[in-house]
Amino acid sequence: MKVKDGDQAPLNSKNFARDQIFELSDQVLSQEVRGETVLLDLASEKYFGLDPVATRVWQLLEAGMTLGDVFETLLGEFDVEPGQLEDDIHSLLVSLNEAGLIRPSARPVES
């Protein structure tokens, strides 16, 4: 799972809760092309590329899923060890967050 951009900020150690929801920036346009997604950040005028797995994460975030639901969905869809998936999702979310493409939502999770 990668965000492809030469100016990617370094990862930090921020942890996200399983019930965390993320909001996609309203300054980002996205287009899926052959299983990958191209993002254009209108604010910075930078393009970002998401590989197929990161594209799936983007789709699930766009659907308003919690981090726990994203994890469980991907665990069911891909042949991956839970620990590796957790690390990969965390790295992707930190990268997307630092690039200003997503942000943790302050709105409560609906029951």
PDB file of N, CA and C in Angstrom:
ATOM      1  N   MET A   1       0.848  -1.165   0.000  1.00  0.00           N
ATOM      2  CA  MET A   1       0.000   0.000   0.000  1.00  0.00           C
ATOM      3  C   MET A   1       0.886   1.218   0.000  1.00  0.00           C
ATOM      4  N   LYS A   2       0.785   2.009  -1.042  1.00  0.00           N
ATOM      5  CA  LYS A   2       1.655   3.167  -1.120  1.00  0.00           C
ATOM      6  C   LYS A   2       0.945   4.359  -1.706  1.00  0.00           C
ATOM      7  N   VAL A   3       1.333   5.511  -1.189  1.00  0.00           N
ATOM      8  CA  VAL A   3       1.005   6.773  -1.820  1.00  0.00           C
ATOM      9  C   VAL A   3       2.271   7.154  -2.544  1.00  0.00           C
ATOM     10  N   LYS A   4       2.196   7.297  -3.859  1.00  0.00           N
ATOM     11  CA  LYS A   4       3.384   7.590  -4.642  1.00  0.00           C
ATOM     12  C   LYS A   4       3.501   9.090  -4.850  1.00  0.00           C
ATOM     13  N   ASP A   5       4.472   9.708  -4.202  1.00  0.00           N
ATOM     14  CA  ASP A   5       4.752  11.133  -4.378  1.00  0.00           C
ATOM     15  C   ASP A   5       6.142  11.386  -3.851  1.00  0.00           C
ATOM     16  N   GLY A   6       6.922  12.128  -4.578  1.00  0.00           N
ATOM     17  CA  GLY A   6       8.300  12.369  -4.183  1.00  0.00           C
ATOM     18  C   GLY A   6       8.459  13.195  -2.934  1.00  0.00           C
ATOM     19  N   ASP A   7       7.463  14.000  -2.584  1.00  0.00           N
ATOM     20  CA  ASP A   7       7.578  14.893  -1.434  1.00  0.00           C
ATOM     21  C   ASP A   7       6.834  14.359  -0.214  1.00  0.00           C
ATOM     22  N   GLN A   8       6.740  13.059  -0.079  1.00  0.00           N
ATOM     23  CA  GLN A   8       6.000  12.440   1.012  1.00  0.00           C
ATOM     24  C   GLN A   8       6.652  12.748   2.354  1.00  0.00           C
ATOM     25  N   ALA A   9       5.840  13.172   3.317  1.00  0.00           N
ATOM     26  CA  ALA A   9       6.349  13.472   4.654  1.00  0.00           C
ATOM     27  C   ALA A   9       6.684  12.178   5.384  1.00  0.00           C
ATOM     28  N   PRO A  10       7.626  12.220   6.330  1.00  0.00           N
ATOM     29  CA  PRO A  10       7.961  11.018   7.095  1.00  0.00           C
ATOM     30  C   PRO A  10       6.798  10.591   7.974  1.00  0.00           C
ATOM     31  N   LEU A  11       6.733   9.303   8.254  1.00  0.00           N
ATOM     32  CA  LEU A  11       5.667   8.776   9.092  1.00  0.00           C
ATOM     33  C   LEU A  11       5.888   9.189  10.534  1.00  0.00           C
ATOM     34  N   ASN A  12       4.786   9.330  11.268  1.00  0.00           N
ATOM     35  CA  ASN A  12       4.899   9.596  12.703  1.00  0.00           C
ATOM     36  C   ASN A  12       4.277   8.432  13.460  1.00  0.00           C
ATOM     37  N   SER A  13       4.235   8.541  14.781  1.00  0.00           N
ATOM     38  CA  SER A  13       3.779   7.413  15.598  1.00  0.00           C
ATOM     39  C   SER A  13       2.344   7.578  16.081  1.00  0.00           C
ATOM     40  N   LYS A  14       1.563   8.457  15.427  1.00  0.00           N
ATOM     41  CA  LYS A  14       0.177   8.672  15.835  1.00  0.00           C
ATOM     42  C   LYS A  14      -0.616   7.375  15.705  1.00  0.00           C
ATOM     43  N   ASN A  15      -1.381   7.076  16.723  1.00  0.00           N
ATOM     44  CA  ASN A  15      -2.235   5.888  16.694  1.00  0.00           C
ATOM     45  C   ASN A  15      -3.677   6.312  16.494  1.00  0.00           C
ATOM     46  N   PHE A  16      -4.418   5.533  15.747  1.00  0.00           N
ATOM     47  CA  PHE A  16      -5.821   5.804  15.496  1.00  0.00           C
ATOM     48  C   PHE A  16      -6.656   4.715  16.163  1.00  0.00           C
ATOM     49  N   ALA A  17      -7.805   5.108  16.740  1.00  0.00           N
ATOM     50  CA  ALA A  17      -8.697   4.156  17.397  1.00  0.00           C
ATOM     51  C   ALA A  17      -9.484   3.369  16.349  1.00  0.00           C
ATOM     52  N   ARG A  18      -9.913   2.160  16.725  1.00  0.00           N
ATOM     53  CA  ARG A  18     -10.669   1.306  15.795  1.00  0.00           C
ATOM     54  C   ARG A  18     -11.989   1.941  15.368  1.00  0.00           C
ATOM     55  N   ASP A  19     -12.565   2.808  16.226  1.00  0.00           N
ATOM     56  CA  ASP A  19     -13.838   3.438  15.868  1.00  0.00           C
ATOM     57  C   ASP A  19     -13.644   4.787  15.164  1.00  0.00           C
ATOM     58  N   GLN A  20     -12.397   5.091  14.804  1.00  0.00           N
ATOM     59  CA  GLN A  20     -12.094   6.354  14.124  1.00  0.00           C
ATOM     60  C   GLN A  20     -12.638   6.346  12.703  1.00  0.00           C
ATOM     61  N   ILE A  21     -13.248   7.445  12.316  1.00  0.00           N
ATOM     62  CA  ILE A  21     -13.692   7.674  10.948  1.00  0.00           C
ATOM     63  C   ILE A  21     -12.816   8.779  10.386  1.00  0.00           C
ATOM     64  N   PHE A  22     -12.556   8.733   9.087  1.00  0.00           N
ATOM     65  CA  PHE A  22     -11.743   9.755   8.437  1.00  0.00           C
ATOM     66  C   PHE A  22     -12.580  10.493   7.409  1.00  0.00           C
ATOM     67  N   GLU A  23     -12.330  11.785   7.302  1.00  0.00           N
ATOM     68  CA  GLU A  23     -12.982  12.606   6.288  1.00  0.00           C
ATOM     69  C   GLU A  23     -11.989  12.839   5.164  1.00  0.00           C
ATOM     70  N   LEU A  24     -12.467  12.704   3.928  1.00  0.00           N
ATOM     71  CA  LEU A  24     -11.633  12.996   2.777  1.00  0.00           C
ATOM     72  C   LEU A  24     -11.664  14.500   2.552  1.00  0.00           C
ATOM     73  N   SER A  25     -10.546  15.059   2.187  1.00  0.00           N
ATOM     74  CA  SER A  25     -10.482  16.490   1.921  1.00  0.00           C
ATOM     75  C   SER A  25     -11.394  16.850   0.758  1.00  0.00           C
ATOM     76  N   ASP A  26     -12.118  17.950   0.901  1.00  0.00           N
ATOM     77  CA  ASP A  26     -12.962  18.403  -0.206  1.00  0.00           C
ATOM     78  C   ASP A  26     -12.130  19.073  -1.300  1.00  0.00           C
ATOM     79  N   GLN A  27     -10.815  19.154  -1.091  1.00  0.00           N
ATOM     80  CA  GLN A  27      -9.894  19.715  -2.075  1.00  0.00           C
ATOM     81  C   GLN A  27      -9.232  18.631  -2.919  1.00  0.00           C
ATOM     82  N   VAL A  28      -9.734  17.386  -2.811  1.00  0.00           N
ATOM     83  CA  VAL A  28      -9.125  16.267  -3.530  1.00  0.00           C
ATOM     84  C   VAL A  28     -10.097  15.706  -4.560  1.00  0.00           C
ATOM     85  N   LEU A  29      -9.625  15.604  -5.782  1.00  0.00           N
ATOM     86  CA  LEU A  29     -10.361  14.922  -6.838  1.00  0.00           C
ATOM     87  C   LEU A  29      -9.729  13.551  -7.022  1.00  0.00           C
ATOM     88  N   SER A  30     -10.549  12.530  -7.243  1.00  0.00           N
ATOM     89  CA  SER A  30     -10.006  11.187  -7.428  1.00  0.00           C
ATOM     90  C   SER A  30     -10.581  10.556  -8.685  1.00  0.00           C
ATOM     91  N   GLN A  31      -9.756   9.722  -9.309  1.00  0.00           N
ATOM     92  CA  GLN A  31     -10.178   8.991 -10.501  1.00  0.00           C
ATOM     93  C   GLN A  31      -9.509   7.622 -10.482  1.00  0.00           C
ATOM     94  N   GLU A  32     -10.321   6.574 -10.583  1.00  0.00           N
ATOM     95  CA  GLU A  32      -9.777   5.223 -10.635  1.00  0.00           C
ATOM     96  C   GLU A  32      -9.437   4.876 -12.078  1.00  0.00           C
ATOM     97  N   VAL A  33      -8.235   4.336 -12.257  1.00  0.00           N
ATOM     98  CA  VAL A  33      -7.755   3.948 -13.578  1.00  0.00           C
ATOM     99  C   VAL A  33      -7.122   2.567 -13.464  1.00  0.00           C
ATOM    100  N   ARG A  34      -7.763   1.558 -14.059  1.00  0.00           N
ATOM    101  CA  ARG A  34      -7.247   0.183 -14.055  1.00  0.00           C
ATOM    102  C   ARG A  34      -6.887  -0.334 -12.658  1.00  0.00           C
ATOM    103  N   GLY A  35      -7.767  -0.111 -11.694  1.00  0.00           N
ATOM    104  CA  GLY A  35      -7.567  -0.643 -10.354  1.00  0.00           C
ATOM    105  C   GLY A  35      -6.713   0.208  -9.443  1.00  0.00           C
ATOM    106  N   GLU A  36      -6.134   1.266  -9.972  1.00  0.00           N
ATOM    107  CA  GLU A  36      -5.366   2.202  -9.158  1.00  0.00           C
ATOM    108  C   GLU A  36      -6.099   3.533  -9.161  1.00  0.00           C
ATOM    109  N   THR A  37      -5.778   4.384  -8.199  1.00  0.00           N
ATOM    110  CA  THR A  37      -6.446   5.666  -8.098  1.00  0.00           C
ATOM    111  C   THR A  37      -5.442   6.792  -8.194  1.00  0.00           C
ATOM    112  N   VAL A  38      -5.812   7.800  -8.969  1.00  0.00           N
ATOM    113  CA  VAL A  38      -5.023   9.022  -9.066  1.00  0.00           C
ATOM    114  C   VAL A  38      -5.773  10.092  -8.289  1.00  0.00           C
ATOM    115  N   LEU A  39      -5.066  10.746  -7.367  1.00  0.00           N
ATOM    116  CA  LEU A  39      -5.647  11.821  -6.573  1.00  0.00           C
ATOM    117  C   LEU A  39      -4.996  13.134  -6.979  1.00  0.00           C
ATOM    118  N   LEU A  40      -5.790  14.178  -7.087  1.00  0.00           N
ATOM    119  CA  LEU A  40      -5.270  15.517  -7.330  1.00  0.00           C
ATOM    120  C   LEU A  40      -5.687  16.382  -6.161  1.00  0.00           C
ATOM    121  N   ASP A  41      -4.705  16.890  -5.448  1.00  0.00           N
ATOM    122  CA  ASP A  41      -4.960  17.818  -4.349  1.00  0.00           C
ATOM    123  C   ASP A  41      -4.992  19.217  -4.950  1.00  0.00           C
ATOM    124  N   LEU A  42      -6.172  19.799  -5.015  1.00  0.00           N
ATOM    125  CA  LEU A  42      -6.329  21.113  -5.623  1.00  0.00           C
ATOM    126  C   LEU A  42      -5.594  22.195  -4.838  1.00  0.00           C
ATOM    127  N   ALA A  43      -5.470  22.023  -3.518  1.00  0.00           N
ATOM    128  CA  ALA A  43      -4.802  23.019  -2.689  1.00  0.00           C
ATOM    129  C   ALA A  43      -3.307  23.097  -2.990  1.00  0.00           C
ATOM    130  N   SER A  44      -2.660  21.952  -3.129  1.00  0.00           N
ATOM    131  CA  SER A  44      -1.208  21.933  -3.367  1.00  0.00           C
ATOM    132  C   SER A  44      -0.854  21.741  -4.842  1.00  0.00           C
ATOM    133  N   GLU A  45      -1.860  21.387  -5.650  1.00  0.00           N
ATOM    134  CA  GLU A  45      -1.675  21.078  -7.070  1.00  0.00           C
ATOM    135  C   GLU A  45      -0.733  19.894  -7.290  1.00  0.00           C
ATOM    136  N   LYS A  46      -0.741  18.957  -6.342  1.00  0.00           N
ATOM    137  CA  LYS A  46       0.073  17.747  -6.445  1.00  0.00           C
ATOM    138  C   LYS A  46      -0.817  16.561  -6.781  1.00  0.00           C
ATOM    139  N   TYR A  47      -0.245  15.642  -7.550  1.00  0.00           N
ATOM    140  CA  TYR A  47      -0.891  14.375  -7.869  1.00  0.00           C
ATOM    141  C   TYR A  47      -0.335  13.294  -6.952  1.00  0.00           C
ATOM    142  N   PHE A  48      -1.181  12.339  -6.613  1.00  0.00           N
ATOM    143  CA  PHE A  48      -0.782  11.189  -5.813  1.00  0.00           C
ATOM    144  C   PHE A  48      -1.347   9.948  -6.490  1.00  0.00           C
ATOM    145  N   GLY A  49      -0.626   8.843  -6.398  1.00  0.00           N
ATOM    146  CA  GLY A  49      -1.098   7.582  -6.953  1.00  0.00           C
ATOM    147  C   GLY A  49      -1.281   6.559  -5.858  1.00  0.00           C
ATOM    148  N   LEU A  50      -2.400   5.863  -5.885  1.00  0.00           N
ATOM    149  CA  LEU A  50      -2.666   4.794  -4.918  1.00  0.00           C
ATOM    150  C   LEU A  50      -2.639   3.462  -5.652  1.00  0.00           C
ATOM    151  N   ASP A  51      -1.904   2.501  -5.084  1.00  0.00           N
ATOM    152  CA  ASP A  51      -1.888   1.162  -5.655  1.00  0.00           C
ATOM    153  C   ASP A  51      -3.253   0.503  -5.403  1.00  0.00           C
ATOM    154  N   PRO A  52      -3.492  -0.704  -5.934  1.00  0.00           N
ATOM    155  CA  PRO A  52      -4.821  -1.323  -5.797  1.00  0.00           C
ATOM    156  C   PRO A  52      -5.297  -1.510  -4.347  1.00  0.00           C
ATOM    157  N   VAL A  53      -4.422  -1.870  -3.435  1.00  0.00           N
ATOM    158  CA  VAL A  53      -4.845  -2.062  -2.041  1.00  0.00           C
ATOM    159  C   VAL A  53      -5.154  -0.713  -1.398  1.00  0.00           C
ATOM    160  N   ALA A  54      -4.306   0.279  -1.628  1.00  0.00           N
ATOM    161  CA  ALA A  54      -4.563   1.621  -1.096  1.00  0.00           C
ATOM    162  C   ALA A  54      -5.836   2.199  -1.714  1.00  0.00           C
ATOM    163  N   THR A  55      -6.102   1.860  -2.980  1.00  0.00           N
ATOM    164  CA  THR A  55      -7.343   2.282  -3.623  1.00  0.00           C
ATOM    165  C   THR A  55      -8.532   1.714  -2.867  1.00  0.00           C
ATOM    166  N   ARG A  56      -8.439   0.455  -2.456  1.00  0.00           N
ATOM    167  CA  ARG A  56      -9.539  -0.163  -1.705  1.00  0.00           C
ATOM    168  C   ARG A  56      -9.730   0.541  -0.364  1.00  0.00           C
ATOM    169  N   VAL A  57      -8.635   0.888   0.307  1.00  0.00           N
ATOM    170  CA  VAL A  57      -8.739   1.630   1.569  1.00  0.00           C
ATOM    171  C   VAL A  57      -9.444   2.957   1.311  1.00  0.00           C
ATOM    172  N   TRP A  58      -9.045   3.664   0.253  1.00  0.00           N
ATOM    173  CA  TRP A  58      -9.660   4.955  -0.091  1.00  0.00           C
ATOM    174  C   TRP A  58     -11.171   4.787  -0.294  1.00  0.00           C
ATOM    175  N   GLN A  59     -11.577   3.728  -0.995  1.00  0.00           N
ATOM    176  CA  GLN A  59     -12.999   3.473  -1.238  1.00  0.00           C
ATOM    177  C   GLN A  59     -13.752   3.257   0.072  1.00  0.00           C
ATOM    178  N   LEU A  60     -13.144   2.510   0.990  1.00  0.00           N
ATOM    179  CA  LEU A  60     -13.791   2.218   2.266  1.00  0.00           C
ATOM    180  C   LEU A  60     -13.877   3.463   3.144  1.00  0.00           C
ATOM    181  N   LEU A  61     -12.831   4.296   3.116  1.00  0.00           N
ATOM    182  CA  LEU A  61     -12.870   5.559   3.858  1.00  0.00           C
ATOM    183  C   LEU A  61     -13.943   6.469   3.267  1.00  0.00           C
ATOM    184  N   GLU A  62     -14.025   6.482   1.955  1.00  0.00           N
ATOM    185  CA  GLU A  62     -15.019   7.312   1.264  1.00  0.00           C
ATOM    186  C   GLU A  62     -16.439   6.882   1.634  1.00  0.00           C
ATOM    187  N   ALA A  63     -16.616   5.594   1.908  1.00  0.00           N
ATOM    188  CA  ALA A  63     -17.919   5.058   2.312  1.00  0.00           C
ATOM    189  C   ALA A  63     -18.239   5.361   3.774  1.00  0.00           C
ATOM    190  N   GLY A  64     -17.296   5.973   4.496  1.00  0.00           N
ATOM    191  CA  GLY A  64     -17.536   6.350   5.888  1.00  0.00           C
ATOM    192  C   GLY A  64     -17.309   5.246   6.893  1.00  0.00           C
ATOM    193  N   MET A  65     -16.567   4.215   6.511  1.00  0.00           N
ATOM    194  CA  MET A  65     -16.314   3.096   7.422  1.00  0.00           C
ATOM    195  C   MET A  65     -15.334   3.494   8.522  1.00  0.00           C
ATOM    196  N   THR A  66     -15.494   2.870   9.687  1.00  0.00           N
ATOM    197  CA  THR A  66     -14.538   3.069  10.770  1.00  0.00           C
ATOM    198  C   THR A  66     -13.239   2.345  10.430  1.00  0.00           C
ATOM    199  N   LEU A  67     -12.183   2.704  11.109  1.00  0.00           N
ATOM    200  CA  LEU A  67     -10.900   2.042  10.900  1.00  0.00           C
ATOM    201  C   LEU A  67     -11.010   0.546  11.174  1.00  0.00           C
ATOM    202  N   GLY A  68     -11.735   0.166  12.218  1.00  0.00           N
ATOM    203  CA  GLY A  68     -11.925  -1.250  12.524  1.00  0.00           C
ATOM    204  C   GLY A  68     -12.645  -1.986  11.406  1.00  0.00           C
ATOM    205  N   ASP A  69     -13.655  -1.351  10.827  1.00  0.00           N
ATOM    206  CA  ASP A  69     -14.385  -1.970   9.718  1.00  0.00           C
ATOM    207  C   ASP A  69     -13.518  -2.066   8.466  1.00  0.00           C
ATOM    208  N   VAL A  70     -12.694  -1.043   8.232  1.00  0.00           N
ATOM    209  CA  VAL A  70     -11.758  -1.083   7.105  1.00  0.00           C
ATOM    210  C   VAL A  70     -10.822  -2.278   7.278  1.00  0.00           C
ATOM    211  N   PHE A  71     -10.274  -2.424   8.480  1.00  0.00           N
ATOM    212  CA  PHE A  71      -9.355  -3.524   8.775  1.00  0.00           C
ATOM    213  C   PHE A  71     -10.024  -4.873   8.540  1.00  0.00           C
ATOM    214  N   GLU A  72     -11.203  -5.060   9.102  1.00  0.00           N
ATOM    215  CA  GLU A  72     -11.912  -6.342   8.972  1.00  0.00           C
ATOM    216  C   GLU A  72     -12.264  -6.641   7.523  1.00  0.00           C
ATOM    217  N   THR A  73     -12.675  -5.626   6.778  1.00  0.00           N
ATOM    218  CA  THR A  73     -13.014  -5.814   5.367  1.00  0.00           C
ATOM    219  C   THR A  73     -11.793  -6.258   4.573  1.00  0.00           C
ATOM    220  N   LEU A  74     -10.676  -5.559   4.761  1.00  0.00           N
ATOM    221  CA  LEU A  74      -9.457  -5.905   4.026  1.00  0.00           C
ATOM    222  C   LEU A  74      -8.924  -7.272   4.424  1.00  0.00           C
ATOM    223  N   LEU A  75      -9.047  -7.606   5.704  1.00  0.00           N
ATOM    224  CA  LEU A  75      -8.596  -8.913   6.175  1.00  0.00           C
ATOM    225  C   LEU A  75      -9.369 -10.025   5.470  1.00  0.00           C
ATOM    226  N   GLY A  76     -10.641  -9.781   5.199  1.00  0.00           N
ATOM    227  CA  GLY A  76     -11.451 -10.769   4.492  1.00  0.00           C
ATOM    228  C   GLY A  76     -11.199 -10.808   2.987  1.00  0.00           C
ATOM    229  N   GLU A  77     -10.701  -9.712   2.436  1.00  0.00           N
ATOM    230  CA  GLU A  77     -10.522  -9.622   0.990  1.00  0.00           C
ATOM    231  C   GLU A  77      -9.113  -9.985   0.512  1.00  0.00           C
ATOM    232  N   PHE A  78      -8.127  -9.891   1.398  1.00  0.00           N
ATOM    233  CA  PHE A  78      -6.742 -10.117   0.999  1.00  0.00           C
ATOM    234  C   PHE A  78      -6.098 -11.191   1.865  1.00  0.00           C
ATOM    235  N   ASP A  79      -5.154 -11.901   1.297  1.00  0.00           N
ATOM    236  CA  ASP A  79      -4.396 -12.917   2.014  1.00  0.00           C
ATOM    237  C   ASP A  79      -3.203 -12.237   2.679  1.00  0.00           C
ATOM    238  N   VAL A  80      -3.402 -11.789   3.916  1.00  0.00           N
ATOM    239  CA  VAL A  80      -2.386 -11.015   4.621  1.00  0.00           C
ATOM    240  C   VAL A  80      -2.482 -11.308   6.113  1.00  0.00           C
ATOM    241  N   GLU A  81      -1.340 -11.270   6.777  1.00  0.00           N
ATOM    242  CA  GLU A  81      -1.310 -11.452   8.227  1.00  0.00           C
ATOM    243  C   GLU A  81      -1.905 -10.202   8.893  1.00  0.00           C
ATOM    244  N   PRO A  82      -2.706 -10.372   9.951  1.00  0.00           N
ATOM    245  CA  PRO A  82      -3.327  -9.226  10.615  1.00  0.00           C
ATOM    246  C   PRO A  82      -2.328  -8.140  11.041  1.00  0.00           C
ATOM    247  N   GLY A  83      -1.192  -8.532  11.597  1.00  0.00           N
ATOM    248  CA  GLY A  83      -0.201  -7.548  12.030  1.00  0.00           C
ATOM    249  C   GLY A  83       0.364  -6.737  10.879  1.00  0.00           C
ATOM    250  N   GLN A  84       0.623  -7.409   9.748  1.00  0.00           N
ATOM    251  CA  GLN A  84       1.138  -6.704   8.573  1.00  0.00           C
ATOM    252  C   GLN A  84       0.092  -5.746   8.017  1.00  0.00           C
ATOM    253  N   LEU A  85      -1.160  -6.201   7.975  1.00  0.00           N
ATOM    254  CA  LEU A  85      -2.239  -5.351   7.475  1.00  0.00           C
ATOM    255  C   LEU A  85      -2.393  -4.117   8.356  1.00  0.00           C
ATOM    256  N   GLU A  86      -2.360  -4.311   9.659  1.00  0.00           N
ATOM    257  CA  GLU A  86      -2.486  -3.182  10.588  1.00  0.00           C
ATOM    258  C   GLU A  86      -1.363  -2.165  10.358  1.00  0.00           C
ATOM    259  N   ASP A  87      -0.135  -2.647  10.209  1.00  0.00           N
ATOM    260  CA  ASP A  87       1.002  -1.755   9.950  1.00  0.00           C
ATOM    261  C   ASP A  87       0.834  -1.016   8.629  1.00  0.00           C
ATOM    262  N   ASP A  88       0.404  -1.733   7.586  1.00  0.00           N
ATOM    263  CA  ASP A  88       0.242  -1.129   6.267  1.00  0.00           C
ATOM    264  C   ASP A  88      -0.858  -0.067   6.261  1.00  0.00           C
ATOM    265  N   ILE A  89      -1.987  -0.377   6.902  1.00  0.00           N
ATOM    266  CA  ILE A  89      -3.077   0.601   6.974  1.00  0.00           C
ATOM    267  C   ILE A  89      -2.617   1.832   7.738  1.00  0.00           C
ATOM    268  N   HIS A  90      -1.947   1.622   8.863  1.00  0.00           N
ATOM    269  CA  HIS A  90      -1.468   2.748   9.671  1.00  0.00           C
ATOM    270  C   HIS A  90      -0.530   3.629   8.854  1.00  0.00           C
ATOM    271  N   SER A  91       0.417   3.031   8.167  1.00  0.00           N
ATOM    272  CA  SER A  91       1.366   3.807   7.356  1.00  0.00           C
ATOM    273  C   SER A  91       0.645   4.595   6.271  1.00  0.00           C
ATOM    274  N   LEU A  92      -0.320   3.961   5.616  1.00  0.00           N
ATOM    275  CA  LEU A  92      -1.069   4.638   4.568  1.00  0.00           C
ATOM    276  C   LEU A  92      -1.863   5.813   5.142  1.00  0.00           C
ATOM    277  N   LEU A  93      -2.557   5.593   6.257  1.00  0.00           N
ATOM    278  CA  LEU A  93      -3.361   6.661   6.851  1.00  0.00           C
ATOM    279  C   LEU A  93      -2.502   7.832   7.292  1.00  0.00           C
ATOM    280  N   VAL A  94      -1.351   7.535   7.872  1.00  0.00           N
ATOM    281  CA  VAL A  94      -0.441   8.610   8.279  1.00  0.00           C
ATOM    282  C   VAL A  94       0.021   9.393   7.054  1.00  0.00           C
ATOM    283  N   SER A  95       0.380   8.694   5.986  1.00  0.00           N
ATOM    284  CA  SER A  95       0.822   9.364   4.759  1.00  0.00           C
ATOM    285  C   SER A  95      -0.282  10.225   4.157  1.00  0.00           C
ATOM    286  N   LEU A  96      -1.492   9.685   4.081  1.00  0.00           N
ATOM    287  CA  LEU A  96      -2.622  10.441   3.542  1.00  0.00           C
ATOM    288  C   LEU A  96      -2.941  11.651   4.417  1.00  0.00           C
ATOM    289  N   ASN A  97      -2.874  11.464   5.729  1.00  0.00           N
ATOM    290  CA  ASN A  97      -3.150  12.538   6.677  1.00  0.00           C
ATOM    291  C   ASN A  97      -2.098  13.648   6.558  1.00  0.00           C
ATOM    292  N   GLU A  98      -0.831  13.265   6.525  1.00  0.00           N
ATOM    293  CA  GLU A  98       0.245  14.255   6.438  1.00  0.00           C
ATOM    294  C   GLU A  98       0.222  15.004   5.109  1.00  0.00           C
ATOM    295  N   ALA A  99      -0.281  14.353   4.055  1.00  0.00           N
ATOM    296  CA  ALA A  99      -0.389  15.001   2.751  1.00  0.00           C
ATOM    297  C   ALA A  99      -1.629  15.898   2.669  1.00  0.00           C
ATOM    298  N   GLY A 100      -2.474  15.864   3.701  1.00  0.00           N
ATOM    299  CA  GLY A 100      -3.672  16.692   3.721  1.00  0.00           C
ATOM    300  C   GLY A 100      -4.832  16.123   2.917  1.00  0.00           C
ATOM    301  N   LEU A 101      -4.754  14.839   2.573  1.00  0.00           N
ATOM    302  CA  LEU A 101      -5.790  14.210   1.760  1.00  0.00           C
ATOM    303  C   LEU A 101      -6.947  13.680   2.595  1.00  0.00           C
ATOM    304  N   ILE A 102      -6.668  13.335   3.856  1.00  0.00           N
ATOM    305  CA  ILE A 102      -7.696  12.907   4.805  1.00  0.00           C
ATOM    306  C   ILE A 102      -7.411  13.574   6.139  1.00  0.00           C
ATOM    307  N   ARG A 103      -8.406  13.524   7.020  1.00  0.00           N
ATOM    308  CA  ARG A 103      -8.207  13.966   8.404  1.00  0.00           C
ATOM    309  C   ARG A 103      -9.142  13.164   9.293  1.00  0.00           C
ATOM    310  N   PRO A 104      -8.724  12.898  10.526  1.00  0.00           N
ATOM    311  CA  PRO A 104      -9.605  12.193  11.442  1.00  0.00           C
ATOM    312  C   PRO A 104     -10.874  13.026  11.654  1.00  0.00           C
ATOM    313  N   SER A 105     -12.005  12.375  11.633  1.00  0.00           N
ATOM    314  CA  SER A 105     -13.279  13.070  11.814  1.00  0.00           C
ATOM    315  C   SER A 105     -13.560  13.278  13.292  1.00  0.00           C
ATOM    316  N   ALA A 106     -14.150  14.404  13.588  1.00  0.00           N
ATOM    317  CA  ALA A 106     -14.563  14.687  14.959  1.00  0.00           C
ATOM    318  C   ALA A 106     -15.996  14.218  15.191  1.00  0.00           C
ATOM    319  N   ARG A 107     -16.685  13.847  14.107  1.00  0.00           N
ATOM    320  CA  ARG A 107     -18.081  13.433  14.279  1.00  0.00           C
ATOM    321  C   ARG A 107     -18.153  12.052  14.913  1.00  0.00           C
ATOM    322  N   PRO A 108     -19.146  11.848  15.757  1.00  0.00           N
ATOM    323  CA  PRO A 108     -19.276  10.541  16.427  1.00  0.00           C
ATOM    324  C   PRO A 108     -19.675   9.455  15.446  1.00  0.00           C
ATOM    325  N   VAL A 109     -19.288   8.231  15.788  1.00  0.00           N
ATOM    326  CA  VAL A 109     -19.668   7.077  14.992  1.00  0.00           C
ATOM    327  C   VAL A 109     -21.146   6.809  15.229  1.00  0.00           C
ATOM    328  N   GLU A 110     -21.901   6.620  14.123  1.00  0.00           N
ATOM    329  CA  GLU A 110     -23.322   6.353  14.250  1.00  0.00           C
ATOM    330  C   GLU A 110     -23.536   4.893  14.629  1.00  0.00           C
ATOM    331  N   SER A 111     -24.474   4.656  15.553  1.00  0.00           N
ATOM    332  CA  SER A 111     -24.765   3.299  15.993  1.00  0.00           C
ATOM    333  C   SER A 111     -25.840   2.673  15.166  1.00  0.00           C
TER     334      SER A 111
END
